[in-house]
Amino acid sequence: GRPHSGYAPVTGQGNGQGGREHGQKCDQLPGYRKLDDPDARKHV
């Protein structure tokens, strides 16, 4: 959170970031929502 500082993982695959945000993961819904969250399930 400070300027020019932080922790970060260096993502590997071409869409490794977006690919895990929108529903390919076994426990996840789009928007990085959790599949076992009732509000997330209702929205999607």
Full PDB file with SEQRES, HELIX, SHEET, SSBOND, CRYST1, ORIGX, SCALE, CONECT and MASTER records, all heavy atoms in Angstrom:
SEQRES   1 A   44  GLY ARG PRO HIS SER GLY TYR ALA PRO VAL THR GLY GLN          
SEQRES   2 A   44  GLY ASN GLY GLN GLY GLY ARG GLU HIS GLY GLN LYS CYS          
SEQRES   3 A   44  ASP GLN LEU PRO GLY TYR ARG LYS LEU ASP ASP PRO ASP          
SEQRES   4 A   44  ALA ARG LYS HIS VAL                                          
HELIX    1 AA1 GLY A   18  ARG A   20  5                                   3    
HELIX    2 AA2 PRO A   38  HIS A   43  1                                   6    
SHEET    1 AA1 2 GLN A  28  LEU A  29  0                                        
SHEET    2 AA1 2 ARG A  33  LYS A  34 -1                                        
CRYST1    1.000    1.000    1.000  90.00  90.00  90.00 P 1           1          
ORIGX1      1.000000  0.000000  0.000000        0.00000                         
ORIGX2      0.000000  1.000000  0.000000        0.00000                         
ORIGX3      0.000000  0.000000  1.000000        0.00000                         
SCALE1      1.000000  0.000000  0.000000        0.00000                         
SCALE2      0.000000  1.000000  0.000000        0.00000                         
SCALE3      0.000000  0.000000  1.000000        0.00000                         
ATOM      1  N   GLY A   1       0.785  -1.221   0.000  1.00  0.00           N  
ATOM      2  CA  GLY A   1       0.000   0.000   0.000  1.00  0.00           C  
ATOM      3  C   GLY A   1       0.817   1.271   0.000  1.00  0.00           C  
ATOM      4  O   GLY A   1       0.255   2.364  -0.141  1.00  0.00           O  
ATOM      5  N   ARG A   2       2.137   1.164   0.129  1.00  0.00           N  
ATOM      6  CA  ARG A   2       2.982   2.356   0.110  1.00  0.00           C  
ATOM      7  C   ARG A   2       3.576   2.558  -1.284  1.00  0.00           C  
ATOM      8  O   ARG A   2       3.719   1.599  -2.047  1.00  0.00           O  
ATOM      9  CB  ARG A   2       4.094   2.223   1.144  1.00  0.00           C  
ATOM     10  CG  ARG A   2       3.581   2.480   2.553  1.00  0.00           C  
ATOM     11  CD  ARG A   2       4.684   2.543   3.557  1.00  0.00           C  
ATOM     12  NE  ARG A   2       4.223   3.113   4.819  1.00  0.00           N  
ATOM     13  CZ  ARG A   2       4.859   2.958   5.971  1.00  0.00           C  
ATOM     14  NH1 ARG A   2       5.981   2.233   6.020  1.00  0.00           N  
ATOM     15  NH2 ARG A   2       4.400   3.515   7.068  1.00  0.00           N  
ATOM     16  N   PRO A   3       3.951   3.801  -1.637  1.00  0.00           N  
ATOM     17  CA  PRO A   3       4.496   4.058  -2.974  1.00  0.00           C  
ATOM     18  C   PRO A   3       5.729   3.217  -3.268  1.00  0.00           C  
ATOM     19  O   PRO A   3       6.620   3.070  -2.425  1.00  0.00           O  
ATOM     20  CB  PRO A   3       4.837   5.551  -2.924  1.00  0.00           C  
ATOM     21  CG  PRO A   3       3.933   6.121  -1.877  1.00  0.00           C  
ATOM     22  CD  PRO A   3       3.795   5.034  -0.848  1.00  0.00           C  
ATOM     23  N   HIS A   4       5.747   2.648  -4.458  1.00  0.00           N  
ATOM     24  CA  HIS A   4       6.886   1.881  -4.963  1.00  0.00           C  
ATOM     25  C   HIS A   4       7.243   0.727  -4.029  1.00  0.00           C  
ATOM     26  O   HIS A   4       8.410   0.342  -3.915  1.00  0.00           O  
ATOM     27  CB  HIS A   4       8.112   2.790  -5.162  1.00  0.00           C  
ATOM     28  CG  HIS A   4       7.779   4.044  -5.898  1.00  0.00           C  
ATOM     29  ND1 HIS A   4       8.180   5.300  -5.483  1.00  0.00           N  
ATOM     30  CD2 HIS A   4       7.030   4.249  -7.015  1.00  0.00           C  
ATOM     31  CE1 HIS A   4       7.714   6.208  -6.328  1.00  0.00           C  
ATOM     32  NE2 HIS A   4       7.023   5.593  -7.260  1.00  0.00           N  
ATOM     33  N   SER A   5       6.241   0.162  -3.377  1.00  0.00           N  
ATOM     34  CA  SER A   5       6.469  -0.899  -2.399  1.00  0.00           C  
ATOM     35  C   SER A   5       5.358  -1.926  -2.496  1.00  0.00           C  
ATOM     36  O   SER A   5       4.307  -1.684  -3.088  1.00  0.00           O  
ATOM     37  CB  SER A   5       6.497  -0.325  -0.972  1.00  0.00           C  
ATOM     38  OG  SER A   5       7.604   0.517  -0.780  1.00  0.00           O  
ATOM     39  N   GLY A   6       5.588  -3.083  -1.872  1.00  0.00           N  
ATOM     40  CA  GLY A   6       4.522  -4.053  -1.744  1.00  0.00           C  
ATOM     41  C   GLY A   6       4.978  -5.480  -1.897  1.00  0.00           C  
ATOM     42  O   GLY A   6       6.162  -5.772  -2.107  1.00  0.00           O  
ATOM     43  N   TYR A   7       4.012  -6.383  -1.762  1.00  0.00           N  
ATOM     44  CA  TYR A   7       4.180  -7.792  -2.108  1.00  0.00           C  
ATOM     45  C   TYR A   7       3.366  -8.049  -3.366  1.00  0.00           C  
ATOM     46  O   TYR A   7       2.261  -7.509  -3.530  1.00  0.00           O  
ATOM     47  CB  TYR A   7       3.682  -8.731  -0.999  1.00  0.00           C  
ATOM     48  CG  TYR A   7       3.461 -10.117  -1.551  1.00  0.00           C  
ATOM     49  CD1 TYR A   7       4.534 -10.972  -1.748  1.00  0.00           C  
ATOM     50  CD2 TYR A   7       2.199 -10.535  -1.993  1.00  0.00           C  
ATOM     51  CE1 TYR A   7       4.367 -12.213  -2.342  1.00  0.00           C  
ATOM     52  CE2 TYR A   7       2.015 -11.777  -2.585  1.00  0.00           C  
ATOM     53  CZ  TYR A   7       3.103 -12.603  -2.755  1.00  0.00           C  
ATOM     54  OH  TYR A   7       2.940 -13.826  -3.369  1.00  0.00           O  
ATOM     55  N   ALA A   8       3.878  -8.930  -4.256  1.00  0.00           N  
ATOM     56  CA  ALA A   8       3.114  -9.297  -5.449  1.00  0.00           C  
ATOM     57  C   ALA A   8       3.590 -10.641  -5.972  1.00  0.00           C  
ATOM     58  O   ALA A   8       4.791 -10.910  -5.990  1.00  0.00           O  
ATOM     59  CB  ALA A   8       3.266  -8.240  -6.544  1.00  0.00           C  
ATOM     60  N   PRO A   9       2.660 -11.490  -6.424  1.00  0.00           N  
ATOM     61  CA  PRO A   9       3.048 -12.688  -7.170  1.00  0.00           C  
ATOM     62  C   PRO A   9       3.125 -12.357  -8.654  1.00  0.00           C  
ATOM     63  O   PRO A   9       2.304 -11.609  -9.180  1.00  0.00           O  
ATOM     64  CB  PRO A   9       1.892 -13.656  -6.888  1.00  0.00           C  
ATOM     65  CG  PRO A   9       0.704 -12.764  -6.725  1.00  0.00           C  
ATOM     66  CD  PRO A   9       1.208 -11.460  -6.155  1.00  0.00           C  
ATOM     67  N   VAL A  10       4.122 -12.902  -9.319  1.00  0.00           N  
ATOM     68  CA  VAL A  10       4.305 -12.663 -10.753  1.00  0.00           C  
ATOM     69  C   VAL A  10       3.480 -13.710 -11.510  1.00  0.00           C  
ATOM     70  O   VAL A  10       3.872 -14.872 -11.619  1.00  0.00           O  
ATOM     71  CB  VAL A  10       5.793 -12.749 -11.142  1.00  0.00           C  
ATOM     72  CG1 VAL A  10       5.967 -12.464 -12.634  1.00  0.00           C  
ATOM     73  CG2 VAL A  10       6.610 -11.753 -10.317  1.00  0.00           C  
ATOM     74  N   THR A  11       2.325 -13.292 -12.010  1.00  0.00           N  
ATOM     75  CA  THR A  11       1.408 -14.202 -12.704  1.00  0.00           C  
ATOM     76  C   THR A  11       2.086 -14.795 -13.928  1.00  0.00           C  
ATOM     77  O   THR A  11       2.854 -14.131 -14.615  1.00  0.00           O  
ATOM     78  CB  THR A  11       0.135 -13.446 -13.119  1.00  0.00           C  
ATOM     79  OG1 THR A  11      -0.421 -12.820 -11.966  1.00  0.00           O  
ATOM     80  CG2 THR A  11      -0.880 -14.376 -13.734  1.00  0.00           C  
ATOM     81  N   GLY A  12       1.754 -16.058 -14.252  1.00  0.00           N  
ATOM     82  CA  GLY A  12       2.445 -16.759 -15.328  1.00  0.00           C  
ATOM     83  C   GLY A  12       1.700 -16.795 -16.649  1.00  0.00           C  
ATOM     84  O   GLY A  12       2.158 -16.256 -17.653  1.00  0.00           O  
ATOM     85  N   GLN A  13       0.529 -17.446 -16.694  1.00  0.00           N  
ATOM     86  CA  GLN A  13      -0.150 -17.681 -17.967  1.00  0.00           C  
ATOM     87  C   GLN A  13      -0.752 -16.407 -18.546  1.00  0.00           C  
ATOM     88  O   GLN A  13      -1.004 -15.436 -17.834  1.00  0.00           O  
ATOM     89  CB  GLN A  13      -1.257 -18.725 -17.782  1.00  0.00           C  
ATOM     90  CG  GLN A  13      -0.740 -20.108 -17.450  1.00  0.00           C  
ATOM     91  CD  GLN A  13      -1.845 -21.138 -17.501  1.00  0.00           C  
ATOM     92  OE1 GLN A  13      -2.240 -21.590 -18.565  1.00  0.00           O  
ATOM     93  NE2 GLN A  13      -2.347 -21.524 -16.342  1.00  0.00           N  
ATOM     94  N   GLY A  14      -1.027 -16.455 -19.852  1.00  0.00           N  
ATOM     95  CA  GLY A  14      -1.476 -15.280 -20.570  1.00  0.00           C  
ATOM     96  C   GLY A  14      -2.670 -14.594 -19.950  1.00  0.00           C  
ATOM     97  O   GLY A  14      -2.707 -13.371 -19.853  1.00  0.00           O  
ATOM     98  N   ASN A  15      -3.676 -15.350 -19.538  1.00  0.00           N  
ATOM     99  CA  ASN A  15      -4.805 -14.768 -18.811  1.00  0.00           C  
ATOM    100  C   ASN A  15      -4.938 -15.452 -17.463  1.00  0.00           C  
ATOM    101  O   ASN A  15      -6.043 -15.739 -17.003  1.00  0.00           O  
ATOM    102  CB  ASN A  15      -6.107 -14.881 -19.612  1.00  0.00           C  
ATOM    103  CG  ASN A  15      -7.184 -13.942 -19.096  1.00  0.00           C  
ATOM    104  OD1 ASN A  15      -6.893 -12.880 -18.566  1.00  0.00           O  
ATOM    105  ND2 ASN A  15      -8.437 -14.337 -19.246  1.00  0.00           N  
ATOM    106  N   GLY A  16      -3.795 -15.709 -16.842  1.00  0.00           N  
ATOM    107  CA  GLY A  16      -3.813 -16.346 -15.537  1.00  0.00           C  
ATOM    108  C   GLY A  16      -4.592 -15.545 -14.517  1.00  0.00           C  
ATOM    109  O   GLY A  16      -5.185 -16.108 -13.595  1.00  0.00           O  
ATOM    110  N   GLN A  17      -4.595 -14.208 -14.654  1.00  0.00           N  
ATOM    111  CA  GLN A  17      -5.364 -13.374 -13.735  1.00  0.00           C  
ATOM    112  C   GLN A  17      -6.855 -13.445 -14.047  1.00  0.00           C  
ATOM    113  O   GLN A  17      -7.658 -13.868 -13.231  1.00  0.00           O  
ATOM    114  CB  GLN A  17      -4.883 -11.930 -13.824  1.00  0.00           C  
ATOM    115  CG  GLN A  17      -5.596 -10.976 -12.893  1.00  0.00           C  
ATOM    116  CD  GLN A  17      -5.291 -11.230 -11.429  1.00  0.00           C  
ATOM    117  OE1 GLN A  17      -4.161 -11.137 -10.971  1.00  0.00           O  
ATOM    118  NE2 GLN A  17      -6.321 -11.566 -10.668  1.00  0.00           N  
ATOM    119  N   GLY A  18      -7.250 -13.033 -15.247  1.00  0.00           N  
ATOM    120  CA  GLY A  18      -8.673 -13.045 -15.587  1.00  0.00           C  
ATOM    121  C   GLY A  18      -9.264 -14.431 -15.608  1.00  0.00           C  
ATOM    122  O   GLY A  18     -10.447 -14.627 -15.296  1.00  0.00           O  
ATOM    123  N   GLY A  19      -8.454 -15.428 -15.962  1.00  0.00           N  
ATOM    124  CA  GLY A  19      -8.955 -16.789 -16.048  1.00  0.00           C  
ATOM    125  C   GLY A  19      -9.423 -17.346 -14.729  1.00  0.00           C  
ATOM    126  O   GLY A  19     -10.247 -18.267 -14.689  1.00  0.00           O  
ATOM    127  N   ARG A  20      -8.919 -16.790 -13.616  1.00  0.00           N  
ATOM    128  CA  ARG A  20      -9.337 -17.299 -12.317  1.00  0.00           C  
ATOM    129  C   ARG A  20     -10.400 -16.440 -11.656  1.00  0.00           C  
ATOM    130  O   ARG A  20     -10.788 -16.706 -10.518  1.00  0.00           O  
ATOM    131  CB  ARG A  20      -8.131 -17.457 -11.395  1.00  0.00           C  
ATOM    132  CG  ARG A  20      -7.449 -16.180 -10.922  1.00  0.00           C  
ATOM    133  CD  ARG A  20      -6.253 -16.582 -10.047  1.00  0.00           C  
ATOM    134  NE  ARG A  20      -5.550 -15.479  -9.423  1.00  0.00           N  
ATOM    135  CZ  ARG A  20      -4.508 -14.846  -9.944  1.00  0.00           C  
ATOM    136  NH1 ARG A  20      -4.087 -15.180 -11.150  1.00  0.00           N  
ATOM    137  NH2 ARG A  20      -3.884 -13.882  -9.293  1.00  0.00           N  
ATOM    138  N   GLU A  21     -10.875 -15.411 -12.341  1.00  0.00           N  
ATOM    139  CA  GLU A  21     -11.805 -14.476 -11.717  1.00  0.00           C  
ATOM    140  C   GLU A  21     -13.263 -14.715 -12.077  1.00  0.00           C  
ATOM    141  O   GLU A  21     -14.148 -14.218 -11.385  1.00  0.00           O  
ATOM    142  CB  GLU A  21     -11.448 -13.041 -12.147  1.00  0.00           C  
ATOM    143  CG  GLU A  21     -10.101 -12.596 -11.639  1.00  0.00           C  
ATOM    144  CD  GLU A  21      -9.618 -11.314 -12.298  1.00  0.00           C  
ATOM    145  OE1 GLU A  21     -10.329 -10.793 -13.189  1.00  0.00           O  
ATOM    146  OE2 GLU A  21      -8.537 -10.853 -11.922  1.00  0.00           O  
ATOM    147  N   HIS A  22     -13.537 -15.461 -13.126  1.00  0.00           N  
ATOM    148  CA  HIS A  22     -14.890 -15.414 -13.677  1.00  0.00           C  
ATOM    149  C   HIS A  22     -15.567 -16.761 -13.840  1.00  0.00           C  
ATOM    150  O   HIS A  22     -16.496 -16.902 -14.625  1.00  0.00           O  
ATOM    151  CB  HIS A  22     -14.869 -14.650 -14.995  1.00  0.00           C  
ATOM    152  CG  HIS A  22     -14.421 -13.236 -14.823  1.00  0.00           C  
ATOM    153  ND1 HIS A  22     -15.087 -12.336 -14.008  1.00  0.00           N  
ATOM    154  CD2 HIS A  22     -13.348 -12.572 -15.303  1.00  0.00           C  
ATOM    155  CE1 HIS A  22     -14.450 -11.180 -14.025  1.00  0.00           C  
ATOM    156  NE2 HIS A  22     -13.394 -11.299 -14.798  1.00  0.00           N  
ATOM    157  N   GLY A  23     -15.090 -17.797 -13.108  1.00  0.00           N  
ATOM    158  CA  GLY A  23     -15.911 -18.987 -13.031  1.00  0.00           C  
ATOM    159  C   GLY A  23     -15.284 -20.304 -13.416  1.00  0.00           C  
ATOM    160  O   GLY A  23     -15.947 -21.336 -13.357  1.00  0.00           O  
ATOM    161  N   GLN A  24     -14.001 -20.322 -13.797  1.00  0.00           N  
ATOM    162  CA  GLN A  24     -13.372 -21.610 -14.105  1.00  0.00           C  
ATOM    163  C   GLN A  24     -12.966 -22.372 -12.851  1.00  0.00           C  
ATOM    164  O   GLN A  24     -12.859 -23.594 -12.893  1.00  0.00           O  
ATOM    165  CB  GLN A  24     -12.114 -21.415 -14.963  1.00  0.00           C  
ATOM    166  CG  GLN A  24     -12.359 -21.076 -16.408  1.00  0.00           C  
ATOM    167  CD  GLN A  24     -11.093 -21.178 -17.228  1.00  0.00           C  
ATOM    168  OE1 GLN A  24     -10.840 -22.179 -17.884  1.00  0.00           O  
ATOM    169  NE2 GLN A  24     -10.286 -20.139 -17.193  1.00  0.00           N  
ATOM    170  N   LYS A  25     -12.690 -21.668 -11.766  1.00  0.00           N  
ATOM    171  CA  LYS A  25     -12.257 -22.349 -10.545  1.00  0.00           C  
ATOM    172  C   LYS A  25     -13.421 -23.107  -9.917  1.00  0.00           C  
ATOM    173  O   LYS A  25     -14.573 -22.680  -9.971  1.00  0.00           O  
ATOM    174  CB  LYS A  25     -11.679 -21.342  -9.554  1.00  0.00           C  
ATOM    175  CG  LYS A  25     -10.318 -20.806  -9.964  1.00  0.00           C  
ATOM    176  CD  LYS A  25      -9.795 -19.789  -8.974  1.00  0.00           C  
ATOM    177  CE  LYS A  25      -9.389 -20.434  -7.666  1.00  0.00           C  
ATOM    178  NZ  LYS A  25      -8.774 -19.440  -6.741  1.00  0.00           N  
ATOM    179  N   CYS A  26     -13.088 -24.208  -9.281  1.00  0.00           N  
ATOM    180  CA  CYS A  26     -14.113 -25.136  -8.803  1.00  0.00           C  
ATOM    181  C   CYS A  26     -14.993 -24.560  -7.705  1.00  0.00           C  
ATOM    182  O   CYS A  26     -16.088 -25.063  -7.456  1.00  0.00           O  
ATOM    183  CB  CYS A  26     -13.451 -26.425  -8.318  1.00  0.00           C  
ATOM    184  SG  CYS A  26     -12.412 -26.230  -6.845  1.00  0.00           S  
ATOM    185  N   ASP A  27     -14.531 -23.493  -7.049  1.00  0.00           N  
ATOM    186  CA  ASP A  27     -15.281 -22.952  -5.915  1.00  0.00           C  
ATOM    187  C   ASP A  27     -15.738 -21.520  -6.162  1.00  0.00           C  
ATOM    188  O   ASP A  27     -16.071 -20.811  -5.226  1.00  0.00           O  
ATOM    189  CB  ASP A  27     -14.412 -22.990  -4.654  1.00  0.00           C  
ATOM    190  CG  ASP A  27     -13.106 -22.225  -4.814  1.00  0.00           C  
ATOM    191  OD1 ASP A  27     -12.779 -21.817  -5.950  1.00  0.00           O  
ATOM    192  OD2 ASP A  27     -12.406 -22.031  -3.803  1.00  0.00           O  
ATOM    193  N   GLN A  28     -15.785 -21.096  -7.420  1.00  0.00           N  
ATOM    194  CA  GLN A  28     -15.894 -19.683  -7.696  1.00  0.00           C  
ATOM    195  C   GLN A  28     -16.938 -19.353  -8.750  1.00  0.00           C  
ATOM    196  O   GLN A  28     -17.135 -20.107  -9.701  1.00  0.00           O  
ATOM    197  CB  GLN A  28     -14.534 -19.190  -8.187  1.00  0.00           C  
ATOM    198  CG  GLN A  28     -14.269 -17.733  -7.940  1.00  0.00           C  
ATOM    199  CD  GLN A  28     -12.803 -17.455  -8.106  1.00  0.00           C  
ATOM    200  OE1 GLN A  28     -12.005 -17.752  -7.228  1.00  0.00           O  
ATOM    201  NE2 GLN A  28     -12.433 -16.935  -9.242  1.00  0.00           N  
ATOM    202  N   LEU A  29     -17.572 -18.202  -8.573  1.00  0.00           N  
ATOM    203  CA  LEU A  29     -18.481 -17.631  -9.552  1.00  0.00           C  
ATOM    204  C   LEU A  29     -17.869 -16.348 -10.119  1.00  0.00           C  
ATOM    205  O   LEU A  29     -16.883 -15.840  -9.577  1.00  0.00           O  
ATOM    206  CB  LEU A  29     -19.835 -17.334  -8.901  1.00  0.00           C  
ATOM    207  CG  LEU A  29     -20.690 -18.553  -8.539  1.00  0.00           C  
ATOM    208  CD1 LEU A  29     -21.866 -18.139  -7.661  1.00  0.00           C  
ATOM    209  CD2 LEU A  29     -21.180 -19.272  -9.794  1.00  0.00           C  
ATOM    210  N   PRO A  30     -18.429 -15.791 -11.196  1.00  0.00           N  
ATOM    211  CA  PRO A  30     -17.848 -14.586 -11.802  1.00  0.00           C  
ATOM    212  C   PRO A  30     -17.703 -13.434 -10.817  1.00  0.00           C  
ATOM    213  O   PRO A  30     -18.503 -13.256  -9.894  1.00  0.00           O  
ATOM    214  CB  PRO A  30     -18.849 -14.248 -12.908  1.00  0.00           C  
ATOM    215  CG  PRO A  30     -19.479 -15.556 -13.263  1.00  0.00           C  
ATOM    216  CD  PRO A  30     -19.562 -16.318 -11.979  1.00  0.00           C  
ATOM    217  N   GLY A  31     -16.661 -12.620 -11.045  1.00  0.00           N  
ATOM    218  CA  GLY A  31     -16.374 -11.507 -10.162  1.00  0.00           C  
ATOM    219  C   GLY A  31     -15.585 -11.921  -8.944  1.00  0.00           C  
ATOM    220  O   GLY A  31     -15.447 -11.151  -7.997  1.00  0.00           O  
ATOM    221  N   TYR A  32     -15.035 -13.115  -8.976  1.00  0.00           N  
ATOM    222  CA  TYR A  32     -14.297 -13.689  -7.845  1.00  0.00           C  
ATOM    223  C   TYR A  32     -15.211 -13.914  -6.653  1.00  0.00           C  
ATOM    224  O   TYR A  32     -14.806 -13.823  -5.494  1.00  0.00           O  
ATOM    225  CB  TYR A  32     -13.106 -12.814  -7.440  1.00  0.00           C  
ATOM    226  CG  TYR A  32     -11.836 -13.596  -7.188  1.00  0.00           C  
ATOM    227  CD1 TYR A  32     -10.646 -13.253  -7.792  1.00  0.00           C  
ATOM    228  CD2 TYR A  32     -11.824 -14.685  -6.331  1.00  0.00           C  
ATOM    229  CE1 TYR A  32      -9.484 -13.962  -7.563  1.00  0.00           C  
ATOM    230  CE2 TYR A  32     -10.671 -15.407  -6.086  1.00  0.00           C  
ATOM    231  CZ  TYR A  32      -9.498 -15.040  -6.701  1.00  0.00           C  
ATOM    232  OH  TYR A  32      -8.349 -15.756  -6.472  1.00  0.00           O  
ATOM    233  N   ARG A  33     -16.484 -14.219  -6.940  1.00  0.00           N  
ATOM    234  CA  ARG A  33     -17.432 -14.535  -5.875  1.00  0.00           C  
ATOM    235  C   ARG A  33     -17.282 -15.997  -5.472  1.00  0.00           C  
ATOM    236  O   ARG A  33     -16.937 -16.843  -6.285  1.00  0.00           O  
ATOM    237  CB  ARG A  33     -18.860 -14.280  -6.347  1.00  0.00           C  
ATOM    238  CG  ARG A  33     -19.228 -12.808  -6.472  1.00  0.00           C  
ATOM    239  CD  ARG A  33     -20.665 -12.670  -6.916  1.00  0.00           C  
ATOM    240  NE  ARG A  33     -21.219 -11.377  -6.575  1.00  0.00           N  
ATOM    241  CZ  ARG A  33     -21.196 -10.319  -7.387  1.00  0.00           C  
ATOM    242  NH1 ARG A  33     -20.653 -10.436  -8.591  1.00  0.00           N  
ATOM    243  NH2 ARG A  33     -21.716  -9.167  -7.000  1.00  0.00           N  
ATOM    244  N   LYS A  34     -17.589 -16.287  -4.224  1.00  0.00           N  
ATOM    245  CA  LYS A  34     -17.496 -17.646  -3.720  1.00  0.00           C  
ATOM    246  C   LYS A  34     -18.788 -18.404  -4.040  1.00  0.00           C  
ATOM    247  O   LYS A  34     -19.887 -17.908  -3.831  1.00  0.00           O  
ATOM    248  CB  LYS A  34     -17.255 -17.648  -2.214  1.00  0.00           C  
ATOM    249  CG  LYS A  34     -15.961 -16.988  -1.799  1.00  0.00           C  
ATOM    250  CD  LYS A  34     -14.745 -17.722  -2.325  1.00  0.00           C  
ATOM    251  CE  LYS A  34     -14.540 -19.052  -1.650  1.00  0.00           C  
ATOM    252  NZ  LYS A  34     -13.317 -19.738  -2.136  1.00  0.00           N  
ATOM    253  N   LEU A  35     -18.619 -19.618  -4.512  1.00  0.00           N  
ATOM    254  CA  LEU A  35     -19.764 -20.424  -4.926  1.00  0.00           C  
ATOM    255  C   LEU A  35     -20.646 -20.835  -3.755  1.00  0.00           C  
ATOM    256  O   LEU A  35     -21.843 -21.113  -3.930  1.00  0.00           O  
ATOM    257  CB  LEU A  35     -19.258 -21.659  -5.672  1.00  0.00           C  
ATOM    258  CG  LEU A  35     -20.264 -22.553  -6.382  1.00  0.00           C  
ATOM    259  CD1 LEU A  35     -21.135 -21.759  -7.338  1.00  0.00           C  
ATOM    260  CD2 LEU A  35     -19.532 -23.660  -7.126  1.00  0.00           C  
ATOM    261  N   ASP A  36     -20.093 -20.856  -2.558  1.00  0.00           N  
ATOM    262  CA  ASP A  36     -20.899 -21.245  -1.399  1.00  0.00           C  
ATOM    263  C   ASP A  36     -21.473 -20.043  -0.644  1.00  0.00           C  
ATOM    264  O   ASP A  36     -22.026 -20.191   0.447  1.00  0.00           O  
ATOM    265  CB  ASP A  36     -20.091 -22.131  -0.451  1.00  0.00           C  
ATOM    266  CG  ASP A  36     -18.805 -21.469   0.033  1.00  0.00           C  
ATOM    267  OD1 ASP A  36     -18.576 -20.282  -0.301  1.00  0.00           O  
ATOM    268  OD2 ASP A  36     -18.025 -22.132   0.733  1.00  0.00           O  
ATOM    269  N   ASP A  37     -21.375 -18.841  -1.218  1.00  0.00           N  
ATOM    270  CA  ASP A  37     -21.934 -17.630  -0.621  1.00  0.00           C  
ATOM    271  C   ASP A  37     -23.362 -17.446  -1.137  1.00  0.00           C  
ATOM    272  O   ASP A  37     -23.575 -17.254  -2.338  1.00  0.00           O  
ATOM    273  CB  ASP A  37     -21.060 -16.435  -1.008  1.00  0.00           C  
ATOM    274  CG  ASP A  37     -21.596 -15.111  -0.478  1.00  0.00           C  
ATOM    275  OD1 ASP A  37     -22.733 -15.068   0.037  1.00  0.00           O  
ATOM    276  OD2 ASP A  37     -20.884 -14.102  -0.599  1.00  0.00           O  
ATOM    277  N   PRO A  38     -24.374 -17.495  -0.276  1.00  0.00           N  
ATOM    278  CA  PRO A  38     -25.767 -17.382  -0.747  1.00  0.00           C  
ATOM    279  C   PRO A  38     -26.038 -16.109  -1.547  1.00  0.00           C  
ATOM    280  O   PRO A  38     -26.766 -16.135  -2.541  1.00  0.00           O  
ATOM    281  CB  PRO A  38     -26.582 -17.412   0.549  1.00  0.00           C  
ATOM    282  CG  PRO A  38     -25.704 -18.145   1.521  1.00  0.00           C  
ATOM    283  CD  PRO A  38     -24.307 -17.759   1.171  1.00  0.00           C  
ATOM    284  N   ASP A  39     -25.460 -14.976  -1.119  1.00  0.00           N  
ATOM    285  CA  ASP A  39     -25.678 -13.728  -1.851  1.00  0.00           C  
ATOM    286  C   ASP A  39     -25.040 -13.786  -3.234  1.00  0.00           C  
ATOM    287  O   ASP A  39     -25.614 -13.270  -4.215  1.00  0.00           O  
ATOM    288  CB  ASP A  39     -25.113 -12.547  -1.066  1.00  0.00           C  
ATOM    289  CG  ASP A  39     -25.931 -12.235   0.185  1.00  0.00           C  
ATOM    290  OD1 ASP A  39     -27.121 -12.615   0.225  1.00  0.00           O  
ATOM    291  OD2 ASP A  39     -25.375 -11.624   1.121  1.00  0.00           O  
ATOM    292  N   ALA A  40     -23.874 -14.388  -3.325  1.00  0.00           N  
ATOM    293  CA  ALA A  40     -23.209 -14.528  -4.624  1.00  0.00           C  
ATOM    294  C   ALA A  40     -24.032 -15.410  -5.549  1.00  0.00           C  
ATOM    295  O   ALA A  40     -24.205 -15.107  -6.741  1.00  0.00           O  
ATOM    296  CB  ALA A  40     -21.806 -15.103  -4.433  1.00  0.00           C  
ATOM    297  N   ARG A  41     -24.538 -16.502  -5.023  1.00  0.00           N  
ATOM    298  CA  ARG A  41     -25.354 -17.412  -5.824  1.00  0.00           C  
ATOM    299  C   ARG A  41     -26.612 -16.699  -6.328  1.00  0.00           C  
ATOM    300  O   ARG A  41     -27.007 -16.852  -7.493  1.00  0.00           O  
ATOM    301  CB  ARG A  41     -25.718 -18.650  -5.002  1.00  0.00           C  
ATOM    302  CG  ARG A  41     -24.525 -19.512  -4.627  1.00  0.00           C  
ATOM    303  CD  ARG A  41     -24.920 -20.604  -3.631  1.00  0.00           C  
ATOM    304  NE  ARG A  41     -25.853 -21.562  -4.221  1.00  0.00           N  
ATOM    305  CZ  ARG A  41     -25.488 -22.642  -4.889  1.00  0.00           C  
ATOM    306  NH1 ARG A  41     -24.204 -22.900  -5.100  1.00  0.00           N  
ATOM    307  NH2 ARG A  41     -26.393 -23.478  -5.373  1.00  0.00           N  
ATOM    308  N   LYS A  42     -27.222 -15.917  -5.444  1.00  0.00           N  
ATOM    309  CA  LYS A  42     -28.440 -15.205  -5.827  1.00  0.00           C  
ATOM    310  C   LYS A  42     -28.156 -14.201  -6.939  1.00  0.00           C  
ATOM    311  O   LYS A  42     -28.917 -14.093  -7.912  1.00  0.00           O  
ATOM    312  CB  LYS A  42     -29.020 -14.506  -4.599  1.00  0.00           C  
ATOM    313  CG  LYS A  42     -30.309 -13.750  -4.866  1.00  0.00           C  
ATOM    314  CD  LYS A  42     -30.835 -13.117  -3.575  1.00  0.00           C  
ATOM    315  CE  LYS A  42     -32.121 -12.338  -3.837  1.00  0.00           C  
ATOM    316  NZ  LYS A  42     -32.622 -11.698  -2.578  1.00  0.00           N  
ATOM    317  N   HIS A  43     -27.056 -13.457  -6.802  1.00  0.00           N  
ATOM    318  CA  HIS A  43     -26.728 -12.439  -7.803  1.00  0.00           C  
ATOM    319  C   HIS A  43     -26.467 -13.074  -9.167  1.00  0.00           C  
ATOM    320  O   HIS A  43     -27.040 -12.643 -10.178  1.00  0.00           O  
ATOM    321  CB  HIS A  43     -25.503 -11.641  -7.351  1.00  0.00           C  
ATOM    322  CG  HIS A  43     -25.027 -10.655  -8.374  1.00  0.00           C  
ATOM    323  ND1 HIS A  43     -25.513  -9.374  -8.464  1.00  0.00           N  
ATOM    324  CD2 HIS A  43     -24.113 -10.776  -9.375  1.00  0.00           C  
ATOM    325  CE1 HIS A  43     -24.935  -8.745  -9.464  1.00  0.00           C  
ATOM    326  NE2 HIS A  43     -24.075  -9.568 -10.040  1.00  0.00           N  
ATOM    327  N   VAL A  44     -25.604 -14.081  -9.214  1.00  0.00           N  
ATOM    328  CA  VAL A  44     -25.232 -14.679 -10.498  1.00  0.00           C  
ATOM    329  C   VAL A  44     -26.409 -15.446 -11.091  1.00  0.00           C  
ATOM    330  O   VAL A  44     -26.646 -15.398 -12.303  1.00  0.00           O  
ATOM    331  CB  VAL A  44     -23.989 -15.575 -10.335  1.00  0.00           C  
ATOM    332  CG1 VAL A  44     -23.685 -16.321 -11.641  1.00  0.00           C  
ATOM    333  CG2 VAL A  44     -22.781 -14.738  -9.920  1.00  0.00           C  
TER     334      VAL A  44                                                      
MASTER        0    0    0    2    2    0    0    6  333    1    0    4          
END                                                                             
